[in-house]
C-alpha atoms as a PDB file:
ATOM      1  CA  MET A   1      97.772 134.360  65.313  1.00  0.00           C
ATOM      2  CA  GLY A   2     100.653 131.908  65.084  1.00  0.00           C
ATOM      3  CA  LYS A   3     100.848 128.347  63.899  1.00  0.00           C
ATOM      4  CA  LYS A   4      99.031 125.879  66.174  1.00  0.00           C
ATOM      5  CA  ILE A   5     100.955 122.974  67.662  1.00  0.00           C
ATOM      6  CA  HIS A   6      99.316 119.677  68.575  1.00  0.00           C
ATOM      7  CA  VAL A   7     100.088 118.470  72.113  1.00  0.00           C
ATOM      8  CA  SER A   8      99.197 115.097  73.635  1.00  0.00           C
ATOM      9  CA  THR A   9      99.453 114.793  77.396  1.00  0.00           C
ATOM     10  CA  THR A  10      97.768 113.264  80.420  1.00  0.00           C
ATOM     11  CA  ILE A  11      95.914 115.530  82.820  1.00  0.00           C
ATOM     12  CA  ASN A  12      94.495 114.149  86.051  1.00  0.00           C
ATOM     13  CA  GLY A  13      94.766 110.608  84.688  1.00  0.00           C
ATOM     14  CA  GLU A  14      93.011 111.284  81.387  1.00  0.00           C
ATOM     15  CA  ALA A  15      94.586 111.461  77.944  1.00  0.00           C
ATOM     16  CA  VAL A  16      94.169 114.986  76.593  1.00  0.00           C
ATOM     17  CA  GLU A  17      95.011 116.588  73.277  1.00  0.00           C
ATOM     18  CA  PHE A  18      94.971 120.293  72.507  1.00  0.00           C
ATOM     19  CA  LEU A  19      96.222 122.838  70.012  1.00  0.00           C
ATOM     20  CA  CYS A  20      98.288 125.770  71.198  1.00  0.00           C
ATOM     21  CA  GLU A  21     100.565 128.481  69.937  1.00  0.00           C
ATOM     22  CA  ALA A  22     104.259 128.150  70.738  1.00  0.00           C
ATOM     23  CA  ARG A  23     104.064 131.204  73.034  1.00  0.00           C
ATOM     24  CA  GLN A  24     101.116 130.024  75.173  1.00  0.00           C
ATOM     25  CA  SER A  25     101.687 129.068  78.783  1.00  0.00           C
ATOM     26  CA  LEU A  26     100.492 125.829  80.268  1.00  0.00           C
ATOM     27  CA  LEU A  27      98.380 127.886  82.689  1.00  0.00           C
ATOM     28  CA  GLU A  28      96.573 129.580  79.821  1.00  0.00           C
ATOM     29  CA  ILE A  29      95.764 126.246  78.181  1.00  0.00           C
ATOM     30  CA  ILE A  30      94.720 124.563  81.438  1.00  0.00           C
ATOM     31  CA  ARG A  31      92.376 127.406  82.390  1.00  0.00           C
ATOM     32  CA  ASP A  32      91.096 128.768  79.095  1.00  0.00           C
ATOM     33  CA  THR A  33      91.184 125.807  76.732  1.00  0.00           C
ATOM     34  CA  LEU A  34      90.659 122.845  79.061  1.00  0.00           C
ATOM     35  CA  THR A  35      88.493 124.824  81.544  1.00  0.00           C
ATOM     36  CA  LEU A  36      90.278 123.461  84.611  1.00  0.00           C
ATOM     37  CA  THR A  37      90.128 126.695  86.586  1.00  0.00           C
ATOM     38  CA  GLY A  38      91.595 125.510  89.893  1.00  0.00           C
ATOM     39  CA  ALA A  39      95.089 126.788  89.104  1.00  0.00           C
ATOM     40  CA  LYS A  40      95.002 130.562  89.499  1.00  0.00           C
ATOM     41  CA  GLU A  41      96.821 133.320  87.673  1.00  0.00           C
ATOM     42  CA  GLY A  42      98.393 135.351  90.432  1.00  0.00           C
ATOM     43  CA  CYS A  43     101.563 137.071  89.284  1.00  0.00           C
ATOM     44  CA  ASN A  44     102.127 135.431  85.877  1.00  0.00           C
ATOM     45  CA  ASN A  45     105.885 135.562  86.468  1.00  0.00           C
ATOM     46  CA  GLY A  46     106.575 132.561  88.707  1.00  0.00           C
ATOM     47  CA  ASN A  47     106.715 134.335  92.046  1.00  0.00           C
ATOM     48  CA  CYS A  48     103.457 133.449  93.793  1.00  0.00           C
ATOM     49  CA  GLY A  49     102.794 129.736  93.165  1.00  0.00           C
ATOM     50  CA  ALA A  50      99.020 130.163  92.715  1.00  0.00           C
ATOM     51  CA  CYS A  51      99.263 128.309  89.396  1.00  0.00           C
ATOM     52  CA  THR A  52     101.236 125.326  90.719  1.00  0.00           C
ATOM     53  CA  VAL A  53     100.537 121.986  89.051  1.00  0.00           C
ATOM     54  CA  LEU A  54     102.444 118.721  89.128  1.00  0.00           C
ATOM     55  CA  MET A  55     104.335 117.867  85.961  1.00  0.00           C
ATOM     56  CA  ASN A  56     105.653 114.329  86.084  1.00  0.00           C
ATOM     57  CA  GLY A  57     105.237 114.487  89.861  1.00  0.00           C
ATOM     58  CA  VAL A  58     107.187 117.712  90.316  1.00  0.00           C
ATOM     59  CA  PRO A  59     105.536 121.013  91.311  1.00  0.00           C
ATOM     60  CA  VAL A  60     105.901 123.657  88.594  1.00  0.00           C
ATOM     61  CA  ASP A  61     104.560 127.159  88.110  1.00  0.00           C
ATOM     62  CA  SER A  62     102.339 126.584  85.097  1.00  0.00           C
ATOM     63  CA  CYS A  63     102.604 130.267  84.142  1.00  0.00           C
ATOM     64  CA  LEU A  64     106.298 129.668  83.370  1.00  0.00           C
ATOM     65  CA  VAL A  65     105.893 126.397  81.465  1.00  0.00           C
ATOM     66  CA  LEU A  66     105.102 126.582  77.780  1.00  0.00           C
ATOM     67  CA  ALA A  67     102.120 124.425  76.901  1.00  0.00           C
ATOM     68  CA  VAL A  68     104.174 122.664  74.214  1.00  0.00           C
ATOM     69  CA  GLU A  69     106.457 121.378  76.991  1.00  0.00           C
ATOM     70  CA  ALA A  70     103.540 119.271  78.260  1.00  0.00           C
ATOM     71  CA  GLU A  71     103.913 116.917  75.286  1.00  0.00           C
ATOM     72  CA  GLY A  72     103.982 113.399  76.741  1.00  0.00           C
ATOM     73  CA  ALA A  73     103.930 114.665  80.329  1.00  0.00           C
ATOM     74  CA  GLU A  74     101.726 113.559  83.211  1.00  0.00           C
ATOM     75  CA  LEU A  75     100.026 116.598  84.727  1.00  0.00           C
ATOM     76  CA  GLU A  76      98.012 116.848  87.918  1.00  0.00           C
ATOM     77  CA  THR A  77      95.975 119.889  88.880  1.00  0.00           C
ATOM     78  CA  VAL A  78      94.198 120.699  92.112  1.00  0.00           C
ATOM     79  CA  GLU A  79      91.060 119.183  90.596  1.00  0.00           C
ATOM     80  CA  SER A  80      92.651 115.730  90.921  1.00  0.00           C
ATOM     81  CA  ILE A  81      93.221 115.891  94.672  1.00  0.00           C
ATOM     82  CA  ALA A  82      89.713 115.016  95.890  1.00  0.00           C
ATOM     83  CA  ASN A  83      87.883 111.952  94.677  1.00  0.00           C
ATOM     84  CA  GLU A  84      84.227 111.992  93.733  1.00  0.00           C
ATOM     85  CA  GLU A  85      83.053 111.094  97.235  1.00  0.00           C
ATOM     86  CA  HIS A  86      85.571 112.609  99.646  1.00  0.00           C
ATOM     87  CA  LEU A  87      87.915 115.505 100.062  1.00  0.00           C
ATOM     88  CA  HIS A  88      91.600 114.679 100.404  1.00  0.00           C
ATOM     89  CA  PRO A  89      92.879 114.933 104.014  1.00  0.00           C
ATOM     90  CA  LEU A  90      94.833 118.038 102.965  1.00  0.00           C
ATOM     91  CA  GLN A  91      91.638 119.741 101.848  1.00  0.00           C
ATOM     92  CA  GLU A  92      89.840 118.686 105.027  1.00  0.00           C
ATOM     93  CA  CYS A  93      92.656 120.004 107.209  1.00  0.00           C
ATOM     94  CA  PHE A  94      92.848 123.295 105.303  1.00  0.00           C
ATOM     95  CA  LEU A  95      89.127 123.789 105.903  1.00  0.00           C
ATOM     96  CA  GLU A  96      89.166 122.680 109.542  1.00  0.00           C
ATOM     97  CA  GLY A  97      92.253 124.753 110.348  1.00  0.00           C
ATOM     98  CA  ALA A  98      91.046 127.897 108.547  1.00  0.00           C
ATOM     99  CA  ALA A  99      94.196 127.753 106.403  1.00  0.00           C
ATOM    100  CA  LEU A 100      92.570 129.736 103.620  1.00  0.00           C
ATOM    101  CA  GLN A 101      90.780 133.007 103.162  1.00  0.00           C
ATOM    102  CA  CYS A 102      90.443 134.502  99.692  1.00  0.00           C
ATOM    103  CA  GLY A 103      91.385 131.204  98.017  1.00  0.00           C
ATOM    104  CA  ILE A 104      93.676 132.495  95.278  1.00  0.00           C
ATOM    105  CA  CYS A 105      96.765 130.811  96.713  1.00  0.00           C
ATOM    106  CA  THR A 106      95.006 127.732  98.098  1.00  0.00           C
ATOM    107  CA  PRO A 107      95.168 125.501  94.980  1.00  0.00           C
ATOM    108  CA  GLY A 108      98.908 126.057  94.663  1.00  0.00           C
ATOM    109  CA  PHE A 109      99.486 125.325  98.343  1.00  0.00           C
ATOM    110  CA  LEU A 110      97.388 122.152  98.117  1.00  0.00           C
ATOM    111  CA  VAL A 111      99.254 120.867  95.051  1.00  0.00           C
ATOM    112  CA  SER A 112     102.670 121.680  96.553  1.00  0.00           C
ATOM    113  CA  ALA A 113     101.734 120.118  99.896  1.00  0.00           C
ATOM    114  CA  LYS A 114     100.384 117.006  98.195  1.00  0.00           C
ATOM    115  CA  ALA A 115     103.659 116.582  96.305  1.00  0.00           C
ATOM    116  CA  LEU A 116     105.548 116.950  99.580  1.00  0.00           C
ATOM    117  CA  LEU A 117     103.411 114.410 101.456  1.00  0.00           C
ATOM    118  CA  ASP A 118     103.437 111.957  98.539  1.00  0.00           C
ATOM    119  CA  GLY A 119     107.225 111.893  98.630  1.00  0.00           C
ATOM    120  CA  HIS A 120     107.792 112.506 102.329  1.00  0.00           C
ATOM    121  CA  PRO A 121     104.790 111.475 104.467  1.00  0.00           C
ATOM    122  CA  GLU A 122     106.205 112.747 107.777  1.00  0.00           C
ATOM    123  CA  PRO A 123     107.872 116.107 107.098  1.00  0.00           C
ATOM    124  CA  THR A 124     109.143 118.359 109.838  1.00  0.00           C
ATOM    125  CA  GLU A 125     107.831 121.900 110.186  1.00  0.00           C
ATOM    126  CA  GLU A 126     111.065 123.176 108.651  1.00  0.00           C
ATOM    127  CA  GLU A 127     110.677 120.847 105.657  1.00  0.00           C
ATOM    128  CA  ILE A 128     107.065 121.944 105.150  1.00  0.00           C
ATOM    129  CA  ARG A 129     108.033 125.605 105.260  1.00  0.00           C
ATOM    130  CA  PHE A 130     110.886 125.014 102.821  1.00  0.00           C
ATOM    131  CA  GLU A 131     108.776 123.035 100.339  1.00  0.00           C
ATOM    132  CA  LEU A 132     105.978 125.610 100.434  1.00  0.00           C
ATOM    133  CA  SER A 133     108.323 128.594 100.158  1.00  0.00           C
ATOM    134  CA  GLY A 134     107.461 129.020  96.468  1.00  0.00           C
ATOM    135  CA  ASN A 135     103.833 129.717  97.365  1.00  0.00           C
ATOM    136  CA  LEU A 136     102.811 133.138  98.637  1.00  0.00           C
ATOM    137  CA  CYS A 137      99.754 134.020 100.707  1.00  0.00           C
ATOM    138  CA  ARG A 138      98.691 137.573 101.377  1.00  0.00           C
ATOM    139  CA  CYS A 139      95.719 136.755 103.627  1.00  0.00           C
ATOM    140  CA  THR A 140      96.349 134.023 106.198  1.00  0.00           C
ATOM    141  CA  GLY A 141     100.008 134.104 106.957  1.00  0.00           C
ATOM    142  CA  TYR A 142     101.696 130.733 106.918  1.00  0.00           C
ATOM    143  CA  ASP A 143     101.242 129.215 110.367  1.00  0.00           C
ATOM    144  CA  LYS A 144      97.726 127.916 109.703  1.00  0.00           C
ATOM    145  CA  ILE A 145      98.836 126.468 106.382  1.00  0.00           C
ATOM    146  CA  VAL A 146     101.821 124.705 107.953  1.00  0.00           C
ATOM    147  CA  ARG A 147      99.629 123.357 110.775  1.00  0.00           C
ATOM    148  CA  ALA A 148      97.100 122.100 108.197  1.00  0.00           C
ATOM    149  CA  VAL A 149      99.835 120.196 106.346  1.00  0.00           C
ATOM    150  CA  GLN A 150     101.078 118.728 109.642  1.00  0.00           C
ATOM    151  CA  ALA A 151      97.533 117.663 110.541  1.00  0.00           C
ATOM    152  CA  ALA A 152      97.049 116.111 107.113  1.00  0.00           C
ATOM    153  CA  SER A 153     100.279 114.173 107.516  1.00  0.00           C
ATOM    154  CA  GLU A 154      98.979 112.730 110.797  1.00  0.00           C
ATOM    155  CA  ARG A 155      95.553 111.999 109.328  1.00  0.00           C
ATOM    156  CA  MET A 156      97.055 110.245 106.331  1.00  0.00           C
ATOM    157  CA  LYS A 157      99.107 107.978 108.647  1.00  0.00           C
ATOM    158  CA  GLU A 158      95.886 106.967 110.437  1.00  0.00           C
ATOM    159  CA  VAL A 159      94.189 106.042 107.144  1.00  0.00           C
ATOM    160  CA  LYS A 160      96.973 103.693 106.031  1.00  0.00           C
END
């Protein structure tokens, strides 16, 4: 076992501190140490997007980020999307549009789509497909996912 490094970060709006080895991925710490199991380990090499989290507002594959790189960062996981009383419109639209099946890829799609809609509330279909291209789904195909993001965009306009 290697030397442990102290990391201070913010996860889902809360200050968090943890110890990690220099070789440990952010995904490993998020899931195994902090027990936030929404981000999934799919490929563990950055190809599938199941482990996507926001780091300083930017989607990243947490399997490729070293946990020590989270020092001082603001992280958001899929657990932060819903509030205590209501699902986020993205989550509602994914459910209503049957844009999920096995669920392994769903957290990554939700986090990536949230980042897109936060920065660009009215994306075109082409923009949605481009922004979600780092997330792979083996079950649903992509049309239902794209339609769910479009529906969420419309729903979020109505709420404002």
